[in-house]
Amino acid sequence: IMQNYKPKKKKKSNQASGVFKGIWIALLFFSVFILVQNRKQLYSYYKKITVSKPLFSKNESHYTHATKIFDAHDNHTFGIDVSHYQGKINWSENMSLYNEIPIDFVILRASAGSNVADKKFKINFKQAKIYKYALGAYHYYRPNENSTLQAENFLKQTQYLKFHFPPILDIERVPKTQSMERLKEGLKNWLQIVERKTGRKPILYSGEHFYETHLQNDFSNYPLWIANYNFWRKSMEDDWHFWQFSEKGRVEGIKTPVDVNVSSYTKVELEKLMR
């Protein structure tokens, strides 16, 4: 009987594992506490050892193109146009293009189509006004949507806000559900509604090719804001109010490339407009 007897194995105590678990939890909480208390110092150290990517390279073709435009129009004023696609902008009073050319004016997208309000319009307006930039607002026209509703949408977004430039209508695309003639009627309707309401003749924005192909014969009496990024063009036409000559501009405080414009205003004329 005794030979066949096997004593039962004793279960290992959970006491040791519990102690180790407690130590790990204590270390974890202590580490979190240290990180919270020293977050500013750690962030500063991280910034010192992190090499930031340059805003742009002077070897890039768009920079070379831009400097030629700057040199050819040094008696004019330069600016940018932005929308929510630029994300959060860190505005300041000394923003510049390529860290060289001061920004004189900013044009903001206020609305698009019949019911879209630009998500960053109000905050961009507020910040740009604080830093005393000459301001304008534009509406992105959707050719397949009702023109009256689009005009009302723009007026709703911009009401009670004062701008230095007249309202701007951006048209870039041909319609899919109507003829070009119907599109032109809609554009004229938008322009007339906004002019009656604001008392200012709107500016028409479009690509140079689109304008010359579809709009020139019917809208030549409206001030023009032309987009042309071709490198062969070195100067703006006499009837252009603005010339958007690049979509790849770089500005400290804006993470994405930005549209760059030169206006027909001299600095003296722009200062008078802002009084």
Protein backbone atom coordinates (compact mmCIF):
# COMPACT_ATOMS: atom_id res chain seq x y z
CA ILE A 1 0.00 0.00 0.00
CA MET A 2 2.72 2.52 0.94
CA GLN A 3 4.70 1.74 -2.22
CA ASN A 4 1.81 2.79 -4.45
CA TYR A 5 1.24 6.02 -2.57
CA LYS A 6 2.12 9.23 -4.47
CA PRO A 7 1.92 12.51 -2.59
CA LYS A 8 -0.11 15.28 -4.23
CA LYS A 9 1.86 18.17 -5.80
CA LYS A 10 1.41 21.44 -4.04
CA LYS A 11 0.11 24.30 -6.16
CA LYS A 12 2.56 27.16 -6.59
CA SER A 13 1.66 30.20 -4.68
CA ASN A 14 0.26 33.14 -6.65
CA GLN A 15 1.92 35.47 -4.21
CA ALA A 16 5.12 35.95 -6.26
CA SER A 17 3.29 36.68 -9.54
CA GLY A 18 1.09 39.17 -7.73
CA VAL A 19 4.12 41.02 -6.42
CA PHE A 20 5.69 41.25 -9.87
CA LYS A 21 2.42 42.47 -11.39
CA GLY A 22 2.18 45.18 -8.75
CA ILE A 23 5.73 46.30 -9.48
CA TRP A 24 5.02 46.57 -13.23
CA ILE A 25 1.86 48.59 -12.64
CA ALA A 26 3.72 50.93 -10.30
CA LEU A 27 6.49 51.42 -12.86
CA LEU A 28 3.92 52.13 -15.57
CA PHE A 29 2.16 54.81 -13.53
CA PHE A 30 5.50 56.33 -12.54
CA SER A 31 6.59 56.52 -16.20
CA VAL A 32 3.35 58.20 -17.23
CA PHE A 33 3.75 60.69 -14.35
CA ILE A 34 7.29 61.57 -15.47
CA LEU A 35 6.18 62.03 -19.09
CA VAL A 36 3.33 64.34 -18.09
CA GLN A 37 5.54 66.41 -15.80
CA ASN A 38 8.29 66.80 -18.37
CA ARG A 39 6.30 66.94 -21.60
CA LYS A 40 7.51 70.47 -22.48
CA GLN A 41 11.16 69.60 -21.99
CA LEU A 42 10.78 66.37 -23.97
CA TYR A 43 9.03 68.20 -26.81
CA SER A 44 11.78 70.83 -26.96
CA TYR A 45 14.42 68.12 -27.04
CA TYR A 46 12.55 66.29 -29.80
CA LYS A 47 12.38 69.46 -31.88
CA LYS A 48 16.13 69.98 -31.50
CA ILE A 49 17.02 66.51 -32.76
CA THR A 50 14.42 66.49 -35.53
CA VAL A 51 15.54 67.85 -38.88
CA SER A 52 12.58 69.66 -40.45
CA LYS A 53 11.94 69.38 -44.18
CA PRO A 54 12.71 72.61 -46.06
CA LEU A 55 9.67 74.60 -47.19
CA PHE A 56 10.90 74.51 -50.77
CA SER A 57 14.01 74.22 -52.89
CA LYS A 58 15.29 77.11 -54.98
CA ASN A 59 16.06 74.58 -57.69
CA GLU A 60 12.36 73.85 -58.22
CA SER A 61 10.98 75.12 -61.53
CA HIS A 62 7.91 76.76 -59.98
CA TYR A 63 10.16 78.84 -57.72
CA THR A 64 12.20 79.98 -60.72
CA HIS A 65 9.02 80.86 -62.60
CA ALA A 66 7.65 82.78 -59.61
CA THR A 67 10.80 84.86 -59.15
CA LYS A 68 10.63 85.93 -62.79
CA ILE A 69 7.04 87.09 -62.28
CA PHE A 70 8.04 88.91 -59.08
CA ASP A 71 10.85 90.72 -60.85
CA ALA A 72 8.66 91.69 -63.83
CA HIS A 73 5.89 93.10 -61.58
CA ASP A 74 7.77 94.55 -58.64
CA ASN A 75 5.52 97.62 -58.72
CA HIS A 76 2.41 95.47 -58.22
CA THR A 77 1.00 93.54 -55.27
CA PHE A 78 1.02 89.81 -54.61
CA GLY A 79 -1.32 87.53 -52.72
CA ILE A 80 -2.76 84.07 -52.21
CA ASP A 81 -6.18 82.45 -52.39
CA VAL A 82 -7.11 79.72 -49.94
CA SER A 83 -9.93 77.38 -48.97
CA HIS A 84 -10.43 74.58 -46.47
CA TYR A 85 -8.14 72.45 -48.64
CA GLN A 86 -5.22 74.33 -47.08
CA GLY A 87 -6.26 73.07 -43.66
CA LYS A 88 -5.43 75.05 -40.55
CA ILE A 89 -3.37 78.12 -41.43
CA ASN A 90 -0.99 79.70 -38.93
CA TRP A 91 -1.62 83.33 -39.81
CA SER A 92 0.89 86.07 -39.02
CA GLU A 93 1.53 89.65 -40.04
CA ASN A 94 4.74 88.81 -41.87
CA MET A 95 3.64 85.91 -44.07
CA SER A 96 5.53 85.78 -47.35
CA LEU A 97 5.78 83.80 -50.56
CA TYR A 98 8.90 81.68 -50.67
CA ASN A 99 10.16 83.61 -47.62
CA GLU A 100 10.91 86.51 -49.96
CA ILE A 101 7.81 88.29 -51.27
CA PRO A 102 5.41 89.89 -48.73
CA ILE A 103 1.76 88.89 -49.06
CA ASP A 104 -0.41 91.95 -49.64
CA PHE A 105 -3.84 90.38 -50.13
CA VAL A 106 -5.77 87.19 -49.41
CA ILE A 107 -8.79 85.87 -51.29
CA LEU A 108 -10.93 83.34 -49.45
CA ARG A 109 -13.34 80.74 -50.76
CA ALA A 110 -16.67 81.45 -49.10
CA SER A 111 -18.97 78.94 -50.76
CA ALA A 112 -19.47 76.32 -53.46
CA GLY A 113 -22.57 75.28 -55.33
CA SER A 114 -26.04 75.78 -53.94
CA ASN A 115 -25.45 74.69 -50.34
CA VAL A 116 -21.76 74.33 -49.44
CA ALA A 117 -20.04 76.71 -47.03
CA ASP A 118 -16.26 76.54 -46.94
CA LYS A 119 -15.32 75.01 -43.59
CA LYS A 120 -12.43 77.40 -42.96
CA PHE A 121 -13.95 80.58 -44.41
CA LYS A 122 -15.03 82.29 -41.19
CA ILE A 123 -11.86 81.53 -39.23
CA ASN A 124 -9.64 82.47 -42.19
CA PHE A 125 -11.54 85.74 -42.60
CA LYS A 126 -11.19 86.54 -38.91
CA GLN A 127 -7.47 85.80 -38.80
CA ALA A 128 -6.58 87.51 -42.10
CA LYS A 129 -8.49 90.60 -40.97
CA ILE A 130 -6.58 90.71 -37.68
CA TYR A 131 -3.32 90.87 -39.60
CA LYS A 132 -4.67 93.56 -41.93
CA TYR A 133 -4.52 91.84 -45.30
CA ALA A 134 -6.61 93.20 -48.16
CA LEU A 135 -9.49 90.72 -48.43
CA GLY A 136 -11.69 89.21 -51.09
CA ALA A 137 -14.19 86.32 -51.22
CA TYR A 138 -15.13 83.97 -54.04
CA HIS A 139 -17.82 81.45 -54.88
CA TYR A 140 -17.00 78.19 -56.68
CA TYR A 141 -19.71 77.78 -59.30
CA ARG A 142 -21.06 74.29 -59.97
CA PRO A 143 -22.38 74.32 -63.55
CA ASN A 144 -25.11 71.73 -62.98
CA GLU A 145 -26.75 73.42 -59.99
CA ASN A 146 -29.31 76.22 -59.75
CA SER A 147 -27.68 79.64 -60.23
CA THR A 148 -30.11 81.54 -57.97
CA LEU A 149 -29.51 79.16 -55.08
CA GLN A 150 -25.77 79.48 -55.64
CA ALA A 151 -25.97 83.27 -55.50
CA GLU A 152 -28.05 83.10 -52.32
CA ASN A 153 -25.54 80.69 -50.79
CA PHE A 154 -22.65 83.08 -51.43
CA LEU A 155 -24.58 86.06 -50.06
CA LYS A 156 -25.55 84.09 -46.96
CA GLN A 157 -21.93 83.18 -46.18
CA THR A 158 -20.57 86.68 -46.76
CA GLN A 159 -23.35 88.80 -45.25
CA TYR A 160 -22.25 91.41 -42.69
CA LEU A 161 -18.60 90.92 -43.71
CA LYS A 162 -16.67 93.71 -45.40
CA PHE A 163 -14.23 92.99 -48.23
CA HIS A 164 -11.82 95.24 -50.06
CA PHE A 165 -12.32 93.51 -53.40
CA PRO A 166 -15.66 93.00 -55.17
CA PRO A 167 -17.36 89.57 -55.00
CA ILE A 168 -15.73 86.91 -57.19
CA LEU A 169 -17.33 84.14 -59.24
CA ASP A 170 -15.13 81.13 -60.01
CA ILE A 171 -16.18 79.13 -63.10
CA GLU A 172 -13.89 76.41 -64.40
CA ARG A 173 -15.96 73.51 -65.75
CA VAL A 174 -18.36 72.83 -68.61
CA PRO A 175 -21.83 71.55 -67.67
CA LYS A 176 -22.83 67.89 -67.98
CA THR A 177 -26.60 68.29 -67.84
CA GLN A 178 -27.16 71.47 -69.83
CA SER A 179 -25.80 73.42 -72.79
CA MET A 180 -23.12 76.11 -72.66
CA GLU A 181 -25.77 78.69 -73.48
CA ARG A 182 -27.74 77.67 -70.41
CA LEU A 183 -24.55 77.83 -68.36
CA LYS A 184 -23.95 81.40 -69.53
CA GLU A 185 -27.49 82.35 -68.56
CA GLY A 186 -26.88 80.92 -65.10
CA LEU A 187 -23.60 82.80 -64.72
CA LYS A 188 -25.22 86.08 -65.75
CA ASN A 189 -28.03 85.43 -63.29
CA TRP A 190 -25.54 84.86 -60.43
CA LEU A 191 -23.57 87.97 -61.34
CA GLN A 192 -26.67 90.16 -61.55
CA ILE A 193 -28.15 88.92 -58.25
CA VAL A 194 -24.90 89.48 -56.36
CA GLU A 195 -24.30 92.89 -57.94
CA ARG A 196 -27.80 94.08 -57.02
CA LYS A 197 -27.38 92.89 -53.45
CA THR A 198 -23.85 94.18 -52.85
CA GLY A 199 -23.79 97.21 -55.14
CA ARG A 200 -20.45 96.04 -56.57
CA LYS A 201 -19.73 94.59 -60.01
CA PRO A 202 -18.32 91.08 -59.44
CA ILE A 203 -15.01 89.80 -60.76
CA LEU A 204 -15.04 86.71 -62.99
CA TYR A 205 -12.41 84.03 -62.37
CA SER A 206 -11.53 81.35 -64.91
CA GLY A 207 -8.67 79.63 -66.66
CA GLU A 208 -7.40 81.63 -69.62
CA HIS A 209 -8.22 78.90 -72.14
CA PHE A 210 -11.69 78.31 -70.69
CA TYR A 211 -12.44 82.02 -70.71
CA GLU A 212 -11.28 82.60 -74.26
CA THR A 213 -13.10 79.51 -75.55
CA HIS A 214 -16.44 79.88 -73.79
CA LEU A 215 -16.91 83.24 -72.06
CA GLN A 216 -15.00 86.07 -73.65
CA ASN A 217 -17.69 87.18 -76.10
CA ASP A 218 -20.39 87.37 -73.43
CA PHE A 219 -18.55 88.52 -70.29
CA SER A 220 -15.92 90.98 -71.54
CA ASN A 221 -17.51 93.77 -69.48
CA TYR A 222 -16.61 92.05 -66.19
CA PRO A 223 -13.27 92.47 -64.40
CA LEU A 224 -11.10 89.39 -64.88
CA TRP A 225 -9.11 87.12 -62.65
CA ILE A 226 -7.26 84.75 -64.97
CA ALA A 227 -5.47 81.51 -64.14
CA ASN A 228 -2.54 80.70 -66.38
CA TYR A 229 0.41 78.62 -65.15
CA ASN A 230 2.28 78.41 -68.44
CA PHE A 231 5.94 79.33 -68.22
CA TRP A 232 5.92 81.16 -71.55
CA ARG A 233 3.77 83.95 -70.17
CA LYS A 234 5.83 86.52 -68.31
CA SER A 235 3.42 89.40 -67.78
CA MET A 236 -0.26 90.07 -67.17
CA GLU A 237 -2.60 91.58 -69.75
CA ASP A 238 -3.87 95.12 -69.29
CA ASP A 239 -7.47 93.97 -68.74
CA TRP A 240 -6.59 91.42 -66.04
CA HIS A 241 -7.54 92.40 -62.51
CA PHE A 242 -5.64 89.43 -61.06
CA TRP A 243 -3.37 86.82 -62.57
CA GLN A 244 -3.04 83.46 -60.81
CA PHE A 245 0.30 82.31 -62.18
CA SER A 246 1.08 79.33 -59.95
CA GLU A 247 -0.68 76.70 -57.87
CA LYS A 248 2.50 75.50 -56.19
CA GLY A 249 3.47 78.48 -54.06
CA ARG A 250 4.88 77.90 -50.61
CA VAL A 251 4.11 80.00 -47.56
CA GLU A 252 5.37 79.48 -44.02
CA GLY A 253 2.32 78.61 -41.93
CA ILE A 254 0.50 76.76 -44.73
CA LYS A 255 1.24 73.05 -45.02
CA THR A 256 0.00 72.59 -48.58
CA PRO A 257 1.02 74.30 -51.82
CA VAL A 258 -1.03 77.45 -52.41
CA ASP A 259 -2.23 79.49 -55.39
CA VAL A 260 -0.12 82.60 -56.05
CA ASN A 261 -1.49 85.77 -57.63
CA VAL A 262 -0.34 89.16 -58.82
CA SER A 263 -2.87 92.00 -58.97
CA SER A 264 -3.09 95.08 -61.14
CA TYR A 265 -2.98 97.21 -57.97
CA THR A 266 0.20 98.96 -56.97
CA LYS A 267 0.94 99.13 -53.25
CA VAL A 268 -0.23 102.75 -53.14
CA GLU A 269 -3.52 101.86 -54.87
CA LEU A 270 -4.08 98.92 -52.56
CA GLU A 271 -3.46 101.05 -49.48
CA LYS A 272 -6.07 103.57 -50.72
CA LEU A 273 -8.53 100.71 -51.28
CA MET A 274 -8.09 99.58 -47.70
CA ARG A 275 -8.79 102.97 -46.09
